[in-house]
PDB file of N, CA and C in Angstrom:
ATOM      1  N   UNK A   1       9.843  14.151  12.673  1.00  0.00           N
ATOM      2  CA  UNK A   1       9.226  13.042  12.112  1.00  0.00           C
ATOM      3  C   UNK A   1      10.140  11.714  12.539  1.00  0.00           C
ATOM      4  N   UNK A   2       9.700  10.666  12.125  1.00  0.00           N
ATOM      5  CA  UNK A   2      10.416   9.391  12.495  1.00  0.00           C
ATOM      6  C   UNK A   2      11.441   9.107  11.472  1.00  0.00           C
ATOM      7  N   UNK A   3      12.547   8.395  12.037  1.00  0.00           N
ATOM      8  CA  UNK A   3      13.607   8.020  11.387  1.00  0.00           C
ATOM      9  C   UNK A   3      13.435   6.778  10.711  1.00  0.00           C
ATOM     10  N   UNK A   4      13.745   6.973   9.026  1.00  0.00           N
ATOM     11  CA  UNK A   4      13.757   5.764   8.440  1.00  0.00           C
ATOM     12  C   UNK A   4      15.074   5.535   7.944  1.00  0.00           C
ATOM     13  N   UNK A   5      15.960   4.488   8.340  1.00  0.00           N
ATOM     14  CA  UNK A   5      17.023   4.289   7.907  1.00  0.00           C
ATOM     15  C   UNK A   5      17.201   3.790   6.605  1.00  0.00           C
ATOM     16  N   UNK A   6      17.374   4.747   5.521  1.00  0.00           N
ATOM     17  CA  UNK A   6      17.566   4.241   4.195  1.00  0.00           C
ATOM     18  C   UNK A   6      18.861   3.425   3.759  1.00  0.00           C
ATOM     19  N   UNK A   7      19.880   3.602   4.679  1.00  0.00           N
ATOM     20  CA  UNK A   7      21.154   2.781   4.431  1.00  0.00           C
ATOM     21  C   UNK A   7      20.897   1.413   4.596  1.00  0.00           C
ATOM     22  N   UNK A   8      19.712   0.956   5.311  1.00  0.00           N
ATOM     23  CA  UNK A   8      19.422  -0.339   5.461  1.00  0.00           C
ATOM     24  C   UNK A   8      18.525  -0.874   4.133  1.00  0.00           C
ATOM     25  N   UNK A   9      19.278  -1.719   3.421  1.00  0.00           N
ATOM     26  CA  UNK A   9      18.834  -2.016   2.034  1.00  0.00           C
ATOM     27  C   UNK A   9      17.311  -2.764   2.236  1.00  0.00           C
ATOM     28  N   UNK A  10      16.892  -3.460   3.222  1.00  0.00           N
ATOM     29  CA  UNK A  10      15.605  -4.043   3.596  1.00  0.00           C
ATOM     30  C   UNK A  10      14.591  -3.069   3.511  1.00  0.00           C
ATOM     31  N   UNK A  11      14.789  -1.760   3.757  1.00  0.00           N
ATOM     32  CA  UNK A  11      13.795  -0.722   3.780  1.00  0.00           C
ATOM     33  C   UNK A  11      13.343  -0.207   2.312  1.00  0.00           C
ATOM     34  N   UNK A  12      14.283  -0.371   1.515  1.00  0.00           N
ATOM     35  CA  UNK A  12      14.018   0.081  -0.089  1.00  0.00           C
ATOM     36  C   UNK A  12      14.328  -1.076  -1.044  1.00  0.00           C
ATOM     37  N   UNK A  13      13.709  -0.973  -2.156  1.00  0.00           N
ATOM     38  CA  UNK A  13      13.866  -1.824  -3.143  1.00  0.00           C
ATOM     39  C   UNK A  13      14.996  -1.202  -4.427  1.00  0.00           C
ATOM     40  N   UNK A  14      15.258  -0.082  -4.271  1.00  0.00           N
ATOM     41  CA  UNK A  14      16.103   0.619  -5.264  1.00  0.00           C
ATOM     42  C   UNK A  14      17.432   1.047  -4.522  1.00  0.00           C
ATOM     43  N   UNK A  15      18.538   0.991  -5.274  1.00  0.00           N
ATOM     44  CA  UNK A  15      19.882   1.563  -4.607  1.00  0.00           C
ATOM     45  C   UNK A  15      19.706   2.992  -4.398  1.00  0.00           C
ATOM     46  N   UNK A  16      20.569   3.499  -3.300  1.00  0.00           N
ATOM     47  CA  UNK A  16      20.548   4.933  -3.030  1.00  0.00           C
ATOM     48  C   UNK A  16      20.900   5.964  -4.017  1.00  0.00           C
ATOM     49  N   UNK A  17      21.827   5.383  -5.033  1.00  0.00           N
ATOM     50  CA  UNK A  17      22.198   6.350  -6.168  1.00  0.00           C
ATOM     51  C   UNK A  17      21.281   6.084  -7.341  1.00  0.00           C
ATOM     52  N   UNK A  18      20.341   5.640  -7.190  1.00  0.00           N
ATOM     53  CA  UNK A  18      19.263   5.366  -8.322  1.00  0.00           C
ATOM     54  C   UNK A  18      18.557   6.789  -8.564  1.00  0.00           C
ATOM     55  N   UNK A  19      17.925   7.057  -9.731  1.00  0.00           N
ATOM     56  CA  UNK A  19      17.154   8.239  -9.977  1.00  0.00           C
ATOM     57  C   UNK A  19      15.801   8.030  -9.191  1.00  0.00           C
ATOM     58  N   UNK A  20      15.426   7.216  -8.688  1.00  0.00           N
ATOM     59  CA  UNK A  20      14.114   7.088  -8.007  1.00  0.00           C
ATOM     60  C   UNK A  20      14.230   6.272  -6.629  1.00  0.00           C
ATOM     61  N   UNK A  21      13.509   6.535  -5.511  1.00  0.00           N
ATOM     62  CA  UNK A  21      13.692   5.900  -4.524  1.00  0.00           C
ATOM     63  C   UNK A  21      12.263   4.975  -4.390  1.00  0.00           C
ATOM     64  N   UNK A  22      12.415   3.858  -4.172  1.00  0.00           N
ATOM     65  CA  UNK A  22      11.176   3.140  -3.743  1.00  0.00           C
ATOM     66  C   UNK A  22      11.388   2.397  -2.510  1.00  0.00           C
ATOM     67  N   UNK A  23      10.448   2.835  -1.627  1.00  0.00           N
ATOM     68  CA  UNK A  23      10.456   2.233  -0.126  1.00  0.00           C
ATOM     69  C   UNK A  23       9.509   1.199  -0.064  1.00  0.00           C
ATOM     70  N   UNK A  24      10.000  -0.093   0.551  1.00  0.00           N
ATOM     71  CA  UNK A  24       9.072  -1.120   0.692  1.00  0.00           C
ATOM     72  C   UNK A  24       7.831  -0.736   1.368  1.00  0.00           C
ATOM     73  N   UNK A  25       6.643  -1.423   0.910  1.00  0.00           N
ATOM     74  CA  UNK A  25       5.339  -1.139   1.609  1.00  0.00           C
ATOM     75  C   UNK A  25       5.135  -0.855   3.078  1.00  0.00           C
ATOM     76  N   UNK A  26       5.902  -2.001   3.868  1.00  0.00           N
ATOM     77  CA  UNK A  26       5.748  -2.074   5.242  1.00  0.00           C
ATOM     78  C   UNK A  26       6.791  -1.312   5.835  1.00  0.00           C
ATOM     79  N   UNK A  27       7.546  -0.716   5.323  1.00  0.00           N
ATOM     80  CA  UNK A  27       8.784  -0.012   6.012  1.00  0.00           C
ATOM     81  C   UNK A  27       8.247   1.282   7.123  1.00  0.00           C
ATOM     82  N   UNK A  28       7.225   1.808   6.473  1.00  0.00           N
ATOM     83  CA  UNK A  28       6.726   3.072   7.266  1.00  0.00           C
ATOM     84  C   UNK A  28       5.381   2.627   8.148  1.00  0.00           C
ATOM     85  N   UNK A  29       5.349   3.459   9.473  1.00  0.00           N
ATOM     86  CA  UNK A  29       4.290   3.054  10.330  1.00  0.00           C
ATOM     87  C   UNK A  29       3.104   3.860  10.003  1.00  0.00           C
ATOM     88  N   UNK A  30       1.941   3.272   9.802  1.00  0.00           N
ATOM     89  CA  UNK A  30       0.790   3.928   9.532  1.00  0.00           C
ATOM     90  C   UNK A  30       0.361   4.966  10.631  1.00  0.00           C
ATOM     91  N   UNK A  31       0.088   6.279  10.222  1.00  0.00           N
ATOM     92  CA  UNK A  31      -0.022   7.386  11.188  1.00  0.00           C
ATOM     93  C   UNK A  31       1.245   8.103  11.552  1.00  0.00           C
ATOM     94  N   UNK A  32       2.319   7.715  11.301  1.00  0.00           N
ATOM     95  CA  UNK A  32       3.610   8.316  11.798  1.00  0.00           C
ATOM     96  C   UNK A  32       3.935   9.474  10.560  1.00  0.00           C
ATOM     97  N   UNK A  33       4.693  10.439  10.963  1.00  0.00           N
ATOM     98  CA  UNK A  33       5.080  11.327  10.058  1.00  0.00           C
ATOM     99  C   UNK A  33       6.473  11.232   9.824  1.00  0.00           C
ATOM    100  N   UNK A  34       6.929  11.403   8.421  1.00  0.00           N
ATOM    101  CA  UNK A  34       8.307  11.376   8.101  1.00  0.00           C
ATOM    102  C   UNK A  34       8.805  12.622   7.447  1.00  0.00           C
ATOM    103  N   UNK A  35      10.143  12.848   7.517  1.00  0.00           N
ATOM    104  CA  UNK A  35      10.712  14.076   6.655  1.00  0.00           C
ATOM    105  C   UNK A  35      11.582  13.404   5.743  1.00  0.00           C
ATOM    106  N   UNK A  36      11.336  13.639   4.468  1.00  0.00           N
ATOM    107  CA  UNK A  36      12.303  13.106   3.449  1.00  0.00           C
ATOM    108  C   UNK A  36      13.400  14.335   3.059  1.00  0.00           C
ATOM    109  N   UNK A  37      14.484  14.165   3.042  1.00  0.00           N
ATOM    110  CA  UNK A  37      15.477  15.134   2.821  1.00  0.00           C
ATOM    111  C   UNK A  37      16.560  14.750   1.679  1.00  0.00           C
ATOM    112  N   UNK A  38      16.662  15.399   0.741  1.00  0.00           N
ATOM    113  CA  UNK A  38      17.488  15.010  -0.468  1.00  0.00           C
ATOM    114  C   UNK A  38      18.431  16.049  -0.453  1.00  0.00           C
ATOM    115  N   UNK A  39      19.671  15.657  -0.471  1.00  0.00           N
ATOM    116  CA  UNK A  39      20.854  16.752  -0.774  1.00  0.00           C
ATOM    117  C   UNK A  39      21.616  16.183  -2.043  1.00  0.00           C
ATOM    118  N   UNK A  40      21.821  17.222  -2.764  1.00  0.00           N
ATOM    119  CA  UNK A  40      22.617  16.940  -4.096  1.00  0.00           C
ATOM    120  C   UNK A  40      23.673  18.025  -4.335  1.00  0.00           C
ATOM    121  N   UNK A  41      24.639  17.494  -5.120  1.00  0.00           N
ATOM    122  CA  UNK A  41      25.683  18.512  -5.610  1.00  0.00           C
ATOM    123  C   UNK A  41      26.421  18.141  -6.704  1.00  0.00           C
ATOM    124  N   UNK A  42      27.299  18.928  -7.351  1.00  0.00           N
ATOM    125  CA  UNK A  42      28.147  18.419  -8.413  1.00  0.00           C
ATOM    126  C   UNK A  42      29.498  18.284  -8.084  1.00  0.00           C
ATOM    127  N   UNK A  43      30.231  17.265  -8.410  1.00  0.00           N
ATOM    128  CA  UNK A  43      31.711  17.018  -8.252  1.00  0.00           C
ATOM    129  C   UNK A  43      32.451  18.243  -8.460  1.00  0.00           C
ATOM    130  N   UNK A  44      33.383  18.909  -7.756  1.00  0.00           N
ATOM    131  CA  UNK A  44      34.056  20.167  -7.922  1.00  0.00           C
ATOM    132  C   UNK A  44      33.510  21.599  -7.460  1.00  0.00           C
ATOM    133  N   UNK A  45      32.197  21.224  -7.077  1.00  0.00           N
ATOM    134  CA  UNK A  45      31.635  22.508  -6.481  1.00  0.00           C
ATOM    135  C   UNK A  45      31.273  22.328  -5.198  1.00  0.00           C
ATOM    136  N   UNK A  46      31.426  23.519  -4.332  1.00  0.00           N
ATOM    137  CA  UNK A  46      31.256  23.502  -3.002  1.00  0.00           C
ATOM    138  C   UNK A  46      29.931  23.611  -2.338  1.00  0.00           C
ATOM    139  N   UNK A  47      29.141  24.175  -3.143  1.00  0.00           N
ATOM    140  CA  UNK A  47      27.788  24.256  -2.829  1.00  0.00           C
ATOM    141  C   UNK A  47      26.821  22.952  -3.263  1.00  0.00           C
ATOM    142  N   UNK A  48      25.885  23.010  -2.365  1.00  0.00           N
ATOM    143  CA  UNK A  48      24.967  21.807  -2.635  1.00  0.00           C
ATOM    144  C   UNK A  48      23.525  22.201  -2.608  1.00  0.00           C
ATOM    145  N   UNK A  49      22.630  21.310  -3.178  1.00  0.00           N
ATOM    146  CA  UNK A  49      21.092  21.791  -3.103  1.00  0.00           C
ATOM    147  C   UNK A  49      20.453  20.894  -1.982  1.00  0.00           C
ATOM    148  N   UNK A  50      19.377  21.475  -1.619  1.00  0.00           N
ATOM    149  CA  UNK A  50      18.524  20.699  -0.333  1.00  0.00           C
ATOM    150  C   UNK A  50      17.136  20.801  -0.639  1.00  0.00           C
ATOM    151  N   UNK A  51      16.286  19.773  -0.646  1.00  0.00           N
ATOM    152  CA  UNK A  51      15.014  19.748  -0.576  1.00  0.00           C
ATOM    153  C   UNK A  51      14.442  18.784   0.448  1.00  0.00           C
ATOM    154  N   UNK A  52      13.481  19.243   1.075  1.00  0.00           N
ATOM    155  CA  UNK A  52      12.651  18.543   2.022  1.00  0.00           C
ATOM    156  C   UNK A  52      11.276  18.210   1.802  1.00  0.00           C
ATOM    157  N   UNK A  53      10.808  17.078   2.247  1.00  0.00           N
ATOM    158  CA  UNK A  53       9.305  16.927   2.018  1.00  0.00           C
ATOM    159  C   UNK A  53       8.832  16.224   3.289  1.00  0.00           C
ATOM    160  N   UNK A  54       7.746  16.556   3.879  1.00  0.00           N
ATOM    161  CA  UNK A  54       7.080  15.903   5.084  1.00  0.00           C
ATOM    162  C   UNK A  54       5.980  15.180   4.566  1.00  0.00           C
ATOM    163  N   UNK A  55       5.930  13.867   4.957  1.00  0.00           N
ATOM    164  CA  UNK A  55       4.742  12.938   4.696  1.00  0.00           C
ATOM    165  C   UNK A  55       4.145  12.311   5.865  1.00  0.00           C
ATOM    166  N   UNK A  56       2.813  12.211   5.846  1.00  0.00           N
ATOM    167  CA  UNK A  56       2.083  11.380   6.948  1.00  0.00           C
ATOM    168  C   UNK A  56       1.793  10.043   6.380  1.00  0.00           C
ATOM    169  N   UNK A  57       1.999   9.011   6.847  1.00  0.00           N
ATOM    170  CA  UNK A  57       1.562   7.901   6.215  1.00  0.00           C
ATOM    171  C   UNK A  57       0.216   7.508   6.483  1.00  0.00           C
ATOM    172  N   UNK A  58      -0.707   7.212   5.597  1.00  0.00           N
ATOM    173  CA  UNK A  58      -1.939   6.958   6.052  1.00  0.00           C
ATOM    174  C   UNK A  58      -2.228   5.619   6.667  1.00  0.00           C
ATOM    175  N   UNK A  59      -3.193   5.630   7.586  1.00  0.00           N
ATOM    176  CA  UNK A  59      -3.683   4.398   8.423  1.00  0.00           C
ATOM    177  C   UNK A  59      -4.650   3.779   7.389  1.00  0.00           C
ATOM    178  N   UNK A  60      -4.572   2.272   7.373  1.00  0.00           N
ATOM    179  CA  UNK A  60      -5.562   1.601   6.517  1.00  0.00           C
ATOM    180  C   UNK A  60      -6.889   1.628   7.080  1.00  0.00           C
ATOM    181  N   UNK A  61      -8.005   1.496   6.281  1.00  0.00           N
ATOM    182  CA  UNK A  61      -9.194   1.369   6.669  1.00  0.00           C
ATOM    183  C   UNK A  61      -9.221   0.005   7.749  1.00  0.00           C
ATOM    184  N   UNK A  62     -10.251   0.133   8.708  1.00  0.00           N
ATOM    185  CA  UNK A  62     -10.312  -0.880   9.675  1.00  0.00           C
ATOM    186  C   UNK A  62     -11.877  -1.307  10.086  1.00  0.00           C
ATOM    187  N   UNK A  63     -12.021  -2.358  10.807  1.00  0.00           N
ATOM    188  CA  UNK A  63     -13.098  -2.743  11.493  1.00  0.00           C
ATOM    189  C   UNK A  63     -14.238  -3.204  10.542  1.00  0.00           C
ATOM    190  N   UNK A  64     -14.020  -3.583   9.282  1.00  0.00           N
ATOM    191  CA  UNK A  64     -15.110  -3.910   8.495  1.00  0.00           C
ATOM    192  C   UNK A  64     -15.080  -5.426   7.977  1.00  0.00           C
ATOM    193  N   UNK A  65     -15.894  -5.800   7.267  1.00  0.00           N
ATOM    194  CA  UNK A  65     -16.070  -7.178   6.897  1.00  0.00           C
ATOM    195  C   UNK A  65     -16.327  -7.450   5.405  1.00  0.00           C
ATOM    196  N   UNK A  66     -16.052  -8.374   4.832  1.00  0.00           N
ATOM    197  CA  UNK A  66     -16.371  -8.679   3.301  1.00  0.00           C
ATOM    198  C   UNK A  66     -17.238 -10.065   3.562  1.00  0.00           C
ATOM    199  N   UNK A  67     -18.451  -9.991   2.787  1.00  0.00           N
ATOM    200  CA  UNK A  67     -19.347 -11.164   2.646  1.00  0.00           C
ATOM    201  C   UNK A  67     -19.448 -11.380   1.204  1.00  0.00           C
ATOM    202  N   UNK A  68     -19.256 -12.644   0.863  1.00  0.00           N
ATOM    203  CA  UNK A  68     -19.332 -13.283  -0.480  1.00  0.00           C
ATOM    204  C   UNK A  68     -20.537 -14.241  -0.652  1.00  0.00           C
ATOM    205  N   UNK A  69     -21.398 -14.018  -1.801  1.00  0.00           N
ATOM    206  CA  UNK A  69     -22.684 -15.076  -1.845  1.00  0.00           C
ATOM    207  C   UNK A  69     -22.712 -15.289  -3.446  1.00  0.00           C
ATOM    208  N   UNK A  70     -22.861 -16.616  -3.526  1.00  0.00           N
ATOM    209  CA  UNK A  70     -22.599 -17.632  -2.875  1.00  0.00           C
ATOM    210  C   UNK A  70     -21.058 -17.943  -2.508  1.00  0.00           C
ATOM    211  N   UNK A  71     -21.037 -18.911  -1.764  1.00  0.00           N
ATOM    212  CA  UNK A  71     -19.493 -19.300  -1.295  1.00  0.00           C
ATOM    213  C   UNK A  71     -18.687 -19.960  -2.265  1.00  0.00           C
ATOM    214  N   UNK A  72     -19.467 -20.869  -3.226  1.00  0.00           N
ATOM    215  CA  UNK A  72     -18.815 -21.537  -4.130  1.00  0.00           C
ATOM    216  C   UNK A  72     -19.623 -21.417  -5.319  1.00  0.00           C
ATOM    217  N   UNK A  73     -18.934 -21.459  -6.651  1.00  0.00           N
ATOM    218  CA  UNK A  73     -19.295 -21.305  -8.089  1.00  0.00           C
ATOM    219  C   UNK A  73     -18.368 -21.461  -8.963  1.00  0.00           C
ATOM    220  N   UNK A  74     -18.865 -21.291 -10.326  1.00  0.00           N
ATOM    221  CA  UNK A  74     -17.959 -21.506 -11.559  1.00  0.00           C
ATOM    222  C   UNK A  74     -17.674 -20.241 -12.175  1.00  0.00           C
ATOM    223  N   UNK A  75     -16.489 -19.822 -12.475  1.00  0.00           N
ATOM    224  CA  UNK A  75     -16.127 -18.445 -13.294  1.00  0.00           C
ATOM    225  C   UNK A  75     -16.943 -18.361 -14.461  1.00  0.00           C
ATOM    226  N   UNK A  76     -17.487 -17.245 -14.739  1.00  0.00           N
ATOM    227  CA  UNK A  76     -18.244 -16.862 -15.836  1.00  0.00           C
ATOM    228  C   UNK A  76     -19.633 -17.648 -16.067  1.00  0.00           C
ATOM    229  N   UNK A  77     -19.963 -18.468 -15.091  1.00  0.00           N
ATOM    230  CA  UNK A  77     -21.139 -19.004 -14.996  1.00  0.00           C
ATOM    231  C   UNK A  77     -21.887 -18.416 -13.690  1.00  0.00           C
ATOM    232  N   UNK A  78     -21.374 -18.331 -12.633  1.00  0.00           N
ATOM    233  CA  UNK A  78     -22.011 -18.043 -11.381  1.00  0.00           C
ATOM    234  C   UNK A  78     -21.840 -16.495 -11.074  1.00  0.00           C
ATOM    235  N   UNK A  79     -23.007 -15.928 -10.778  1.00  0.00           N
ATOM    236  CA  UNK A  79     -23.069 -14.309 -10.427  1.00  0.00           C
ATOM    237  C   UNK A  79     -22.656 -14.470  -8.845  1.00  0.00           C
ATOM    238  N   UNK A  80     -21.602 -13.790  -8.595  1.00  0.00           N
ATOM    239  CA  UNK A  80     -21.160 -13.649  -7.090  1.00  0.00           C
ATOM    240  C   UNK A  80     -21.557 -12.167  -6.624  1.00  0.00           C
ATOM    241  N   UNK A  81     -21.860 -12.118  -5.358  1.00  0.00           N
ATOM    242  CA  UNK A  81     -22.231 -10.842  -4.905  1.00  0.00           C
ATOM    243  C   UNK A  81     -21.174 -10.616  -3.749  1.00  0.00           C
ATOM    244  N   UNK A  82     -20.480  -9.580  -3.630  1.00  0.00           N
ATOM    245  CA  UNK A  82     -19.425  -9.184  -2.754  1.00  0.00           C
ATOM    246  C   UNK A  82     -20.035  -7.843  -1.891  1.00  0.00           C
ATOM    247  N   UNK A  83     -20.066  -7.961  -0.490  1.00  0.00           N
ATOM    248  CA  UNK A  83     -20.634  -6.779   0.010  1.00  0.00           C
ATOM    249  C   UNK A  83     -19.445  -6.305   1.313  1.00  0.00           C
ATOM    250  N   UNK A  84     -19.118  -5.232   1.217  1.00  0.00           N
ATOM    251  CA  UNK A  84     -18.148  -4.604   2.219  1.00  0.00           C
ATOM    252  C   UNK A  84     -19.011  -3.788   3.172  1.00  0.00           C
ATOM    253  N   UNK A  85     -19.030  -4.000   4.490  1.00  0.00           N
ATOM    254  CA  UNK A  85     -19.634  -3.391   5.400  1.00  0.00           C
ATOM    255  C   UNK A  85     -18.787  -3.006   6.665  1.00  0.00           C
ATOM    256  N   UNK A  86     -19.254  -1.871   7.218  1.00  0.00           N
ATOM    257  CA  UNK A  86     -18.630  -1.576   8.593  1.00  0.00           C
ATOM    258  C   UNK A  86     -17.214  -0.925   8.632  1.00  0.00           C
ATOM    259  N   UNK A  87     -16.649  -0.777   7.434  1.00  0.00           N
ATOM    260  CA  UNK A  87     -15.261  -0.188   7.286  1.00  0.00           C
ATOM    261  C   UNK A  87     -15.270   1.201   7.720  1.00  0.00           C
ATOM    262  N   UNK A  88     -14.255   1.741   8.493  1.00  0.00           N
ATOM    263  CA  UNK A  88     -14.104   3.022   9.189  1.00  0.00           C
ATOM    264  C   UNK A  88     -12.766   3.521   8.750  1.00  0.00           C
ATOM    265  N   UNK A  89     -12.455   4.784   8.359  1.00  0.00           N
ATOM    266  CA  UNK A  89     -11.233   5.393   7.787  1.00  0.00           C
ATOM    267  C   UNK A  89     -11.458   6.844   8.019  1.00  0.00           C
ATOM    268  N   UNK A  90     -10.502   7.679   8.036  1.00  0.00           N
ATOM    269  CA  UNK A  90     -10.157   9.013   8.110  1.00  0.00           C
ATOM    270  C   UNK A  90     -11.052   9.861   7.175  1.00  0.00           C
ATOM    271  N   UNK A  91     -11.707  10.803   7.496  1.00  0.00           N
ATOM    272  CA  UNK A  91     -12.863  11.615   6.638  1.00  0.00           C
ATOM    273  C   UNK A  91     -12.201  11.932   5.244  1.00  0.00           C
ATOM    274  N   UNK A  92     -10.957  12.318   5.331  1.00  0.00           N
ATOM    275  CA  UNK A  92     -10.336  12.594   4.043  1.00  0.00           C
ATOM    276  C   UNK A  92     -10.018  11.494   3.256  1.00  0.00           C
ATOM    277  N   UNK A  93     -10.148  10.282   3.502  1.00  0.00           N
ATOM    278  CA  UNK A  93     -10.069   9.121   2.475  1.00  0.00           C
ATOM    279  C   UNK A  93     -11.438   8.760   2.146  1.00  0.00           C
ATOM    280  N   UNK A  94     -12.497   9.264   2.519  1.00  0.00           N
ATOM    281  CA  UNK A  94     -13.758   8.931   2.000  1.00  0.00           C
ATOM    282  C   UNK A  94     -14.219   9.748   0.710  1.00  0.00           C
ATOM    283  N   UNK A  95     -14.766   8.842  -0.068  1.00  0.00           N
ATOM    284  CA  UNK A  95     -15.511   7.676  -0.058  1.00  0.00           C
ATOM    285  C   UNK A  95     -14.443   6.498  -0.204  1.00  0.00           C
ATOM    286  N   UNK A  96     -14.634   5.442   0.470  1.00  0.00           N
ATOM    287  CA  UNK A  96     -13.683   4.289   0.150  1.00  0.00           C
ATOM    288  C   UNK A  96     -14.103   3.715  -1.201  1.00  0.00           C
ATOM    289  N   UNK A  97     -12.963   3.137  -1.855  1.00  0.00           N
ATOM    290  CA  UNK A  97     -13.195   2.414  -3.008  1.00  0.00           C
ATOM    291  C   UNK A  97     -12.701   1.016  -2.889  1.00  0.00           C
ATOM    292  N   UNK A  98     -13.318   0.033  -3.563  1.00  0.00           N
ATOM    293  CA  UNK A  98     -12.848  -1.459  -3.330  1.00  0.00           C
ATOM    294  C   UNK A  98     -12.390  -2.105  -4.806  1.00  0.00           C
ATOM    295  N   UNK A  99     -11.498  -2.852  -4.719  1.00  0.00           N
ATOM    296  CA  UNK A  99     -10.933  -3.557  -5.950  1.00  0.00           C
ATOM    297  C   UNK A  99     -11.215  -4.940  -5.875  1.00  0.00           C
ATOM    298  N   UNK A 100     -11.698  -5.689  -6.849  1.00  0.00           N
ATOM    299  CA  UNK A 100     -11.895  -7.048  -6.746  1.00  0.00           C
ATOM    300  C   UNK A 100     -11.060  -7.701  -7.645  1.00  0.00           C
ATOM    301  N   UNK A 101     -10.468  -8.746  -7.154  1.00  0.00           N
ATOM    302  CA  UNK A 101      -9.199  -9.382  -8.043  1.00  0.00           C
ATOM    303  C   UNK A 101      -9.561 -11.026  -7.908  1.00  0.00           C
ATOM    304  N   UNK A 102      -9.351 -11.812  -9.121  1.00  0.00           N
ATOM    305  CA  UNK A 102      -9.622 -13.254  -8.995  1.00  0.00           C
ATOM    306  C   UNK A 102      -8.505 -13.750  -9.315  1.00  0.00           C
ATOM    307  N   UNK A 103      -8.007 -15.039  -8.888  1.00  0.00           N
ATOM    308  CA  UNK A 103      -6.949 -15.823  -9.028  1.00  0.00           C
ATOM    309  C   UNK A 103      -7.362 -17.370  -9.103  1.00  0.00           C
ATOM    310  N   UNK A 104      -6.277 -17.968  -9.811  1.00  0.00           N
ATOM    311  CA  UNK A 104      -6.405 -19.304 -10.113  1.00  0.00           C
ATOM    312  C   UNK A 104      -5.939 -20.180  -8.811  1.00  0.00           C
ATOM    313  N   UNK A 105      -6.836 -19.959  -7.864  1.00  0.00           N
ATOM    314  CA  UNK A 105      -6.401 -20.830  -6.638  1.00  0.00           C
ATOM    315  C   UNK A 105      -6.873 -22.456  -6.713  1.00  0.00           C
ATOM    316  N   UNK A 106      -8.007 -22.669  -7.070  1.00  0.00           N
ATOM    317  CA  UNK A 106      -8.429 -23.998  -7.030  1.00  0.00           C
ATOM    318  C   UNK A 106      -8.252 -24.667  -8.533  1.00  0.00           C
ATOM    319  N   UNK A 107      -8.722 -24.024  -9.395  1.00  0.00           N
ATOM    320  CA  UNK A 107      -8.546 -24.490 -10.719  1.00  0.00           C
ATOM    321  C   UNK A 107      -8.787 -23.371 -11.633  1.00  0.00           C
ATOM    322  N   UNK A 108      -8.643 -23.226 -13.106  1.00  0.00           N
ATOM    323  CA  UNK A 108      -8.807 -22.333 -13.872  1.00  0.00           C
ATOM    324  C   UNK A 108     -10.083 -21.727 -13.759  1.00  0.00           C
ATOM    325  N   UNK A 109     -11.144 -22.443 -13.583  1.00  0.00           N
ATOM    326  CA  UNK A 109     -12.539 -21.968 -13.656  1.00  0.00           C
ATOM    327  C   UNK A 109     -13.309 -22.088 -12.211  1.00  0.00           C
ATOM    328  N   UNK A 110     -12.778 -22.527 -11.193  1.00  0.00           N
ATOM    329  CA  UNK A 110     -13.484 -22.723  -9.950  1.00  0.00           C
ATOM    330  C   UNK A 110     -13.033 -21.819  -8.873  1.00  0.00           C
ATOM    331  N   UNK A 111     -13.845 -21.119  -8.181  1.00  0.00           N
ATOM    332  CA  UNK A 111     -13.283 -20.268  -7.071  1.00  0.00           C
ATOM    333  C   UNK A 111     -14.223 -20.500  -5.946  1.00  0.00           C
ATOM    334  N   UNK A 112     -13.796 -20.309  -4.522  1.00  0.00           N
ATOM    335  CA  UNK A 112     -14.764 -20.497  -3.371  1.00  0.00           C
ATOM    336  C   UNK A 112     -14.132 -19.600  -2.472  1.00  0.00           C
ATOM    337  N   UNK A 113     -15.082 -19.291  -1.403  1.00  0.00           N
ATOM    338  CA  UNK A 113     -14.649 -18.411  -0.249  1.00  0.00           C
ATOM    339  C   UNK A 113     -15.361 -19.232   1.174  1.00  0.00           C
ATOM    340  N   UNK A 114     -14.748 -18.649   2.107  1.00  0.00           N
ATOM    341  CA  UNK A 114     -15.116 -19.413   3.358  1.00  0.00           C
ATOM    342  C   UNK A 114     -15.522 -18.114   4.308  1.00  0.00           C
ATOM    343  N   UNK A 115     -16.701 -18.389   5.001  1.00  0.00           N
ATOM    344  CA  UNK A 115     -16.954 -17.374   5.970  1.00  0.00           C
ATOM    345  C   UNK A 115     -16.166 -17.554   7.217  1.00  0.00           C
ATOM    346  N   UNK A 116     -15.946 -16.396   7.931  1.00  0.00           N
ATOM    347  CA  UNK A 116     -15.039 -16.446   9.305  1.00  0.00           C
ATOM    348  C   UNK A 116     -15.443 -17.384  10.357  1.00  0.00           C
TER     349      UNK A 116
END
């Protein structure tokens, strides 16, 4: 597998001695294989435990588009239609699911979208 230098604090968001290890989302390469190895022991004992886990980082879906209609409207008054088409992903990741999220970009009640 590829080497992920966890000693580099920009790779992770948690300290190395924490109970959990959180790796930054962009630290791993899509499609790459990594081996996570954990060693632990107790002070005063000569033996230590070892656990390994191999992971393959999923590649994101690609090649698709998102269409929004109408391009402008008012929240809670305008019915927006969102259509995702043409997305391709690994067969193991199908069917794809989509999440819609709105934010207050223009004002508390107005949203707009632009066609590419």
